[in-house]
C-alpha cells in the first residue's frame, strides 16, 4: 500500500501541476479538499481522469467520489480494491 500511496502522490502532483510540492509534503490522511491541500472541483475532475487512465477505474456514481477523494489514503484503498490495470 505504501508504494501505491507514493505513486498516487507523484501522479497527483504531476496531474495538478503542484510543482512546488514533493510527495513528502502531502500527508497520507490529509484532506485533499477544503482545509487540507485546498483542491477544488476542477481538481476533482483531474483526479477522476487520473484514476481512470492509470488504474482502469470508472466511477459509475459521481457521488461516491466525495468519499473516495477524501485523502490520498482513501484513494489508495479504493484503487487497490477496484483497479483493472
Protein backbone atom coordinates (compact mmCIF):
# COMPACT_ATOMS: atom_id res chain seq x y z
CA UNK A 1 0.00 0.00 0.00
CA UNK A 2 2.90 2.38 0.75
CA UNK A 3 4.16 2.04 -2.82
CA UNK A 4 0.71 2.83 -4.21
CA UNK A 5 0.35 5.85 -1.89
CA UNK A 6 3.72 7.25 -3.02
CA UNK A 7 2.82 6.61 -6.67
CA UNK A 8 -0.53 8.38 -6.24
CA UNK A 9 1.13 11.38 -4.60
CA UNK A 10 3.56 11.67 -7.53
CA UNK A 11 0.73 11.36 -10.07
CA UNK A 12 -1.41 13.94 -8.21
CA UNK A 13 1.49 16.41 -8.12
CA UNK A 14 2.08 15.90 -11.83
CA UNK A 15 -1.60 15.97 -12.91
CA UNK A 16 -2.44 19.07 -10.88
CA UNK A 17 0.83 20.91 -11.63
CA UNK A 18 1.74 21.19 -7.95
CA UNK A 19 5.35 21.78 -8.97
CA UNK A 20 6.39 23.30 -5.65
CA UNK A 21 5.34 20.16 -3.75
CA UNK A 22 7.00 16.81 -3.17
CA UNK A 23 5.30 13.54 -2.18
CA UNK A 24 6.63 14.08 1.35
CA UNK A 25 4.68 17.37 1.57
CA UNK A 26 1.37 15.51 1.27
CA UNK A 27 0.29 13.59 4.37
CA UNK A 28 -1.46 10.27 3.73
CA UNK A 29 -4.55 11.28 5.76
CA UNK A 30 -4.53 14.99 4.88
CA UNK A 31 -7.83 16.21 3.42
CA UNK A 32 -7.41 16.93 -0.28
CA UNK A 33 -10.24 19.48 -0.40
CA UNK A 34 -11.03 22.40 1.87
CA UNK A 35 -8.59 22.90 4.72
CA UNK A 36 -6.02 20.34 3.54
CA UNK A 37 -4.43 20.72 0.11
CA UNK A 38 -7.24 23.08 -0.86
CA UNK A 39 -8.18 21.36 -4.10
CA UNK A 40 -11.34 22.42 -5.93
CA UNK A 41 -13.95 20.86 -8.24
CA UNK A 42 -11.72 21.20 -11.32
CA UNK A 43 -9.01 19.29 -9.45
CA UNK A 44 -11.59 16.62 -8.60
CA UNK A 45 -12.25 16.10 -12.31
CA UNK A 46 -8.50 15.77 -12.89
CA UNK A 47 -8.31 13.13 -10.14
CA UNK A 48 -11.16 11.17 -11.74
CA UNK A 49 -9.34 11.21 -15.08
CA UNK A 50 -6.12 10.18 -13.33
CA UNK A 51 -7.60 7.04 -11.76
CA UNK A 52 -9.49 6.12 -14.93
CA UNK A 53 -6.40 6.48 -17.13
CA UNK A 54 -3.83 4.92 -14.79
CA UNK A 55 -5.85 2.26 -12.98
CA UNK A 56 -8.77 1.46 -15.29
CA UNK A 57 -11.35 2.57 -12.72
CA UNK A 58 -14.52 4.27 -13.90
CA UNK A 59 -16.66 5.97 -11.28
CA UNK A 60 -20.21 4.90 -12.04
CA UNK A 61 -21.65 7.12 -9.33
CA UNK A 62 -20.04 10.58 -9.06
CA UNK A 63 -21.45 10.90 -5.53
CA UNK A 64 -19.07 8.21 -4.32
CA UNK A 65 -16.19 10.44 -5.40
CA UNK A 66 -16.59 12.55 -2.26
CA UNK A 67 -15.76 9.55 -0.07
CA UNK A 68 -13.02 8.23 -2.36
CA UNK A 69 -11.18 11.54 -2.71
CA UNK A 70 -11.05 12.48 0.98
CA UNK A 71 -7.30 11.80 1.19
CA UNK A 72 -4.50 10.04 -0.65
CA UNK A 73 -5.02 7.09 1.69
CA UNK A 74 -8.72 6.74 0.79
CA UNK A 75 -7.86 6.93 -2.92
CA UNK A 76 -5.19 4.22 -2.46
CA UNK A 77 -7.63 1.95 -0.63
CA UNK A 78 -10.23 2.35 -3.38
CA UNK A 79 -7.69 1.84 -6.18
CA UNK A 80 -6.24 -1.29 -4.55
CA UNK A 81 -9.71 -2.84 -4.36
CA UNK A 82 -11.00 -1.83 -7.81
CA UNK A 83 -8.08 -1.44 -10.18
CA UNK A 84 -8.09 -3.23 -13.52
CA UNK A 85 -4.60 -2.09 -14.62
